[in-house]
Each structure stands twice: as C-alpha cells, then as structure tokens.
Amino acid sequence: MEPKIYRINKNNYSLFDDMIFWRENGFERKPSSTSISEQIENELTNPNLYIYAAMINGRYIGWISLIYIPKVGKWKGHGHIYVDELWVAPNYRGQGFGKMLMKKADDLKMELGATGIRLYVNVNNITARKLYEHCGYREDGQAYFMEK
C-alpha cells in the first residue's frame, strides 16, 4: 500500500482539515467540503510554509509541516528547514509513512539549498525520537521549548 504525498493548498485543504479533526478527536468524520477561511488561505500561500500529507484510499493518513527559516550572517544566506509537526494516524504507524514524510524535509532541503534541518521532540516521546534517529537525526545538546 504505497501512499501518494501531496502538498496541501486551498484546493485540498478540506481533506486535510478532516485529518486534523481525526487527530484532535481520536475518530474520523465523514469527509467535508467546508470552505476555508481567508486567514487559512493566506497562511497556505506563505512561501516559507510547506505542508505535505500522505494519502491512501482517498484520505489523508498523516502529514508533515515544514517551515523554511531564512538565515544570514555565518549561514551566508542558506537557511534551515524546521520540522514543525509530524503526525501519522495510529493504525498506520510503524509502516514507514513517517519516514516517507520525513523524506520531504530532505527533499526540500536539497531543493532550497538549505544548510540543514532542525526539529524539536519531546524527550518522553520515545517512538518519535527513534523515528528521527532512524532518519539520521542526532541529539545536539538540550533545549527548553518555550512559548508565549
């Protein structure tokens, strides 16, 4: 069962929104065709936002949200890709879909000529840590995740 991976845009956002509902509520809803807000449409056109979703049998089963962060100074104009979110539906985990979505970060790094890829992972999320390590990531110090 090979998924197809699509970049999310205003035309396929309703299926993506159905998957967000699934993640937040723990169960799927019938596919909706709700219109998207102007704010979401504007966010989707941000040139530094890249959201990809894996589709199987006409529904999305996982996604990765990537952000390109421009850098100057010592980085000489080559920014970083930041993995903002990665999620795969529970019944599809352990089947390689997370790795396929993480490959989109590698592809984007090459496409944009970025310096590297960065991510944060909860120290208690052992499964995610193992996935990232398997994809070639390594711990590089410790950091606190802070938010305002």
C-alpha atoms as a PDB file:
ATOM      1  CA  MET A   1       0.000   0.000   0.000  1.00  0.00           C
ATOM      2  CA  GLU A   2       2.014   2.932  -1.320  1.00  0.00           C
ATOM      3  CA  PRO A   3       0.681   6.351  -0.351  1.00  0.00           C
ATOM      4  CA  LYS A   4       0.811   9.384  -2.552  1.00  0.00           C
ATOM      5  CA  ILE A   5       2.140  12.537  -0.953  1.00  0.00           C
ATOM      6  CA  TYR A   6       0.544  15.865  -1.783  1.00  0.00           C
ATOM      7  CA  ARG A   7       1.395  19.419  -0.863  1.00  0.00           C
ATOM      8  CA  ILE A   8      -1.557  20.985   0.927  1.00  0.00           C
ATOM      9  CA  ASN A   9      -3.165  24.009  -0.697  1.00  0.00           C
ATOM     10  CA  LYS A  10      -6.589  25.647  -0.740  1.00  0.00           C
ATOM     11  CA  ASN A  11      -7.919  23.044  -3.181  1.00  0.00           C
ATOM     12  CA  ASN A  12      -7.221  20.010  -0.991  1.00  0.00           C
ATOM     13  CA  TYR A  13      -7.426  21.671   2.417  1.00  0.00           C
ATOM     14  CA  SER A  14     -10.837  20.244   3.325  1.00  0.00           C
ATOM     15  CA  LEU A  15      -9.411  16.685   3.331  1.00  0.00           C
ATOM     16  CA  PHE A  16      -6.502  17.942   5.415  1.00  0.00           C
ATOM     17  CA  ASP A  17      -8.951  19.573   7.841  1.00  0.00           C
ATOM     18  CA  ASP A  18     -10.729  16.213   8.166  1.00  0.00           C
ATOM     19  CA  MET A  19      -7.418  14.665   9.220  1.00  0.00           C
ATOM     20  CA  ILE A  20      -6.844  17.437  11.776  1.00  0.00           C
ATOM     21  CA  PHE A  21     -10.278  16.625  13.199  1.00  0.00           C
ATOM     22  CA  TRP A  22      -9.233  12.956  13.377  1.00  0.00           C
ATOM     23  CA  ARG A  23      -6.049  13.819  15.271  1.00  0.00           C
ATOM     24  CA  GLU A  24      -7.791  16.152  17.712  1.00  0.00           C
ATOM     25  CA  ASN A  25     -10.808  13.938  18.418  1.00  0.00           C
ATOM     26  CA  GLY A  26      -9.462  10.413  18.016  1.00  0.00           C
ATOM     27  CA  PHE A  27     -12.035   9.428  15.427  1.00  0.00           C
ATOM     28  CA  GLU A  28     -12.708  10.222  11.788  1.00  0.00           C
ATOM     29  CA  ARG A  29     -15.590  12.275  10.498  1.00  0.00           C
ATOM     30  CA  LYS A  30     -17.254  11.998   7.131  1.00  0.00           C
ATOM     31  CA  PRO A  31     -15.336  13.937   4.506  1.00  0.00           C
ATOM     32  CA  SER A  32     -16.370  17.542   4.489  1.00  0.00           C
ATOM     33  CA  SER A  33     -16.140  20.150   1.814  1.00  0.00           C
ATOM     34  CA  THR A  34     -16.209  23.138   4.096  1.00  0.00           C
ATOM     35  CA  SER A  35     -14.794  26.334   2.730  1.00  0.00           C
ATOM     36  CA  ILE A  36     -11.610  27.617   4.270  1.00  0.00           C
ATOM     37  CA  SER A  37     -11.239  30.927   5.997  1.00  0.00           C
ATOM     38  CA  GLU A  38      -9.374  33.801   4.420  1.00  0.00           C
ATOM     39  CA  GLN A  39      -6.787  33.538   7.207  1.00  0.00           C
ATOM     40  CA  ILE A  40      -6.033  29.874   6.435  1.00  0.00           C
ATOM     41  CA  GLU A  41      -5.919  30.597   2.718  1.00  0.00           C
ATOM     42  CA  ASN A  42      -3.389  33.379   3.399  1.00  0.00           C
ATOM     43  CA  GLU A  43      -1.281  31.069   5.573  1.00  0.00           C
ATOM     44  CA  LEU A  44      -1.248  28.423   2.843  1.00  0.00           C
ATOM     45  CA  THR A  45       0.198  30.949   0.384  1.00  0.00           C
ATOM     46  CA  ASN A  46       3.136  31.785   2.669  1.00  0.00           C
ATOM     47  CA  PRO A  47       6.207  30.935   0.565  1.00  0.00           C
ATOM     48  CA  ASN A  48       8.063  29.526   3.595  1.00  0.00           C
ATOM     49  CA  LEU A  49       5.317  27.088   4.659  1.00  0.00           C
ATOM     50  CA  TYR A  50       5.302  23.574   3.229  1.00  0.00           C
ATOM     51  CA  ILE A  51       2.655  21.093   4.375  1.00  0.00           C
ATOM     52  CA  TYR A  52       2.612  17.627   2.857  1.00  0.00           C
ATOM     53  CA  ALA A  53       0.091  14.868   3.535  1.00  0.00           C
ATOM     54  CA  ALA A  54       0.188  11.156   2.753  1.00  0.00           C
ATOM     55  CA  MET A  55      -2.957   9.805   1.104  1.00  0.00           C
ATOM     56  CA  ILE A  56      -4.218   6.238   0.977  1.00  0.00           C
ATOM     57  CA  ASN A  57      -7.600   5.233  -0.448  1.00  0.00           C
ATOM     58  CA  GLY A  58      -8.741   8.823  -0.898  1.00  0.00           C
ATOM     59  CA  ARG A  59      -7.994  10.024   2.627  1.00  0.00           C
ATOM     60  CA  TYR A  60      -5.014  11.583   4.301  1.00  0.00           C
ATOM     61  CA  ILE A  61      -3.391   9.417   6.973  1.00  0.00           C
ATOM     62  CA  GLY A  62      -0.501  11.642   8.044  1.00  0.00           C
ATOM     63  CA  TRP A  63       1.223  14.952   7.484  1.00  0.00           C
ATOM     64  CA  ILE A  64       4.388  16.916   7.955  1.00  0.00           C
ATOM     65  CA  SER A  65       4.532  20.673   8.333  1.00  0.00           C
ATOM     66  CA  LEU A  66       7.839  22.263   7.329  1.00  0.00           C
ATOM     67  CA  ILE A  67       8.990  25.844   7.583  1.00  0.00           C
ATOM     68  CA  TYR A  68      11.919  27.369   5.737  1.00  0.00           C
ATOM     69  CA  ILE A  69      13.702  29.823   8.027  1.00  0.00           C
ATOM     70  CA  PRO A  70      15.967  32.217   6.104  1.00  0.00           C
ATOM     71  CA  LYS A  71      19.408  32.826   7.630  1.00  0.00           C
ATOM     72  CA  VAL A  72      22.095  35.428   7.048  1.00  0.00           C
ATOM     73  CA  GLY A  73      25.485  36.078   8.647  1.00  0.00           C
ATOM     74  CA  LYS A  74      27.527  32.940   9.164  1.00  0.00           C
ATOM     75  CA  TRP A  75      24.931  30.937   7.227  1.00  0.00           C
ATOM     76  CA  LYS A  76      25.655  33.007   4.094  1.00  0.00           C
ATOM     77  CA  GLY A  77      22.036  33.182   3.035  1.00  0.00           C
ATOM     78  CA  HIS A  78      21.327  29.470   3.371  1.00  0.00           C
ATOM     79  CA  GLY A  79      18.522  28.902   5.836  1.00  0.00           C
ATOM     80  CA  HIS A  80      17.248  25.888   7.701  1.00  0.00           C
ATOM     81  CA  ILE A  81      14.220  23.684   7.289  1.00  0.00           C
ATOM     82  CA  TYR A  82      12.318  23.341  10.555  1.00  0.00           C
ATOM     83  CA  VAL A  83      10.049  20.350  11.135  1.00  0.00           C
ATOM     84  CA  ASP A  84       7.092  21.937  12.884  1.00  0.00           C
ATOM     85  CA  GLU A  85       4.758  18.936  13.093  1.00  0.00           C
ATOM     86  CA  LEU A  86       4.677  15.317  12.048  1.00  0.00           C
ATOM     87  CA  TRP A  87       1.670  13.074  12.628  1.00  0.00           C
ATOM     88  CA  VAL A  88       0.612   9.683  11.343  1.00  0.00           C
ATOM     89  CA  ALA A  89      -2.721   8.099  12.250  1.00  0.00           C
ATOM     90  CA  PRO A  90      -2.214   5.475  14.973  1.00  0.00           C
ATOM     91  CA  ASN A  91      -3.281   2.478  12.857  1.00  0.00           C
ATOM     92  CA  TYR A  92      -0.735   3.472  10.164  1.00  0.00           C
ATOM     93  CA  ARG A  93       2.287   3.918  12.444  1.00  0.00           C
ATOM     94  CA  GLY A  94       5.260   1.605  12.163  1.00  0.00           C
ATOM     95  CA  GLN A  95       4.684   1.088   8.429  1.00  0.00           C
ATOM     96  CA  GLY A  96       7.185   3.620   7.090  1.00  0.00           C
ATOM     97  CA  PHE A  97       4.792   6.522   6.495  1.00  0.00           C
ATOM     98  CA  GLY A  98       6.592   8.751   8.997  1.00  0.00           C
ATOM     99  CA  LYS A  99       9.877   8.092   7.180  1.00  0.00           C
ATOM    100  CA  MET A 100       8.251   8.928   3.844  1.00  0.00           C
ATOM    101  CA  LEU A 101       7.002  12.224   5.225  1.00  0.00           C
ATOM    102  CA  MET A 102      10.390  12.994   6.805  1.00  0.00           C
ATOM    103  CA  LYS A 103      11.959  12.437   3.378  1.00  0.00           C
ATOM    104  CA  LYS A 104      10.017  15.508   2.216  1.00  0.00           C
ATOM    105  CA  ALA A 105      12.188  17.545   4.622  1.00  0.00           C
ATOM    106  CA  ASP A 106      15.318  16.126   2.966  1.00  0.00           C
ATOM    107  CA  ASP A 107      13.911  16.834  -0.490  1.00  0.00           C
ATOM    108  CA  LEU A 108      13.015  20.408   0.472  1.00  0.00           C
ATOM    109  CA  LYS A 109      16.484  20.969   1.942  1.00  0.00           C
ATOM    110  CA  MET A 110      18.028  19.983  -1.362  1.00  0.00           C
ATOM    111  CA  GLU A 111      15.507  21.953  -3.434  1.00  0.00           C
ATOM    112  CA  LEU A 112      16.056  25.174  -1.477  1.00  0.00           C
ATOM    113  CA  GLY A 113      19.785  24.738  -0.860  1.00  0.00           C
ATOM    114  CA  ALA A 114      19.192  24.934   2.893  1.00  0.00           C
ATOM    115  CA  THR A 115      22.005  24.387   5.382  1.00  0.00           C
ATOM    116  CA  GLY A 116      20.212  21.809   7.499  1.00  0.00           C
ATOM    117  CA  ILE A 117      17.029  20.506   9.062  1.00  0.00           C
ATOM    118  CA  ARG A 118      16.068  21.130  12.667  1.00  0.00           C
ATOM    119  CA  LEU A 119      13.344  19.778  14.899  1.00  0.00           C
ATOM    120  CA  TYR A 120      12.277  19.520  18.498  1.00  0.00           C
ATOM    121  CA  VAL A 121      10.977  16.308  20.021  1.00  0.00           C
ATOM    122  CA  ASN A 122       9.573  15.739  23.476  1.00  0.00           C
ATOM    123  CA  VAL A 123      12.101  13.745  25.499  1.00  0.00           C
ATOM    124  CA  ASN A 124       9.255  11.490  26.635  1.00  0.00           C
ATOM    125  CA  ASN A 125       8.160  10.689  23.065  1.00  0.00           C
ATOM    126  CA  ILE A 126      10.430   7.676  22.616  1.00  0.00           C
ATOM    127  CA  THR A 127       8.700   6.486  19.432  1.00  0.00           C
ATOM    128  CA  ALA A 128       9.242   9.827  17.677  1.00  0.00           C
ATOM    129  CA  ARG A 129      12.830  10.016  18.908  1.00  0.00           C
ATOM    130  CA  LYS A 130      13.531   6.568  17.437  1.00  0.00           C
ATOM    131  CA  LEU A 131      11.959   7.580  14.120  1.00  0.00           C
ATOM    132  CA  TYR A 132      14.101  10.712  13.898  1.00  0.00           C
ATOM    133  CA  GLU A 133      17.256   8.804  14.863  1.00  0.00           C
ATOM    134  CA  HIS A 134      16.449   6.215  12.186  1.00  0.00           C
ATOM    135  CA  CYS A 135      16.125   9.081   9.684  1.00  0.00           C
ATOM    136  CA  GLY A 136      19.661  10.234  10.546  1.00  0.00           C
ATOM    137  CA  TYR A 137      18.982  12.875  13.195  1.00  0.00           C
ATOM    138  CA  ARG A 138      21.049  13.023  16.343  1.00  0.00           C
ATOM    139  CA  GLU A 139      20.727  14.794  19.633  1.00  0.00           C
ATOM    140  CA  ASP A 140      22.643  18.049  19.542  1.00  0.00           C
ATOM    141  CA  GLY A 141      22.520  19.377  23.068  1.00  0.00           C
ATOM    142  CA  GLN A 142      19.469  20.087  25.151  1.00  0.00           C
ATOM    143  CA  ALA A 143      16.969  22.881  24.878  1.00  0.00           C
ATOM    144  CA  TYR A 144      13.838  24.069  26.566  1.00  0.00           C
ATOM    145  CA  PHE A 145      10.810  24.613  24.389  1.00  0.00           C
ATOM    146  CA  MET A 146       9.346  27.943  25.410  1.00  0.00           C
ATOM    147  CA  GLU A 147       6.239  29.666  24.192  1.00  0.00           C
ATOM    148  CA  LYS A 148       4.443  32.939  24.839  1.00  0.00           C
END
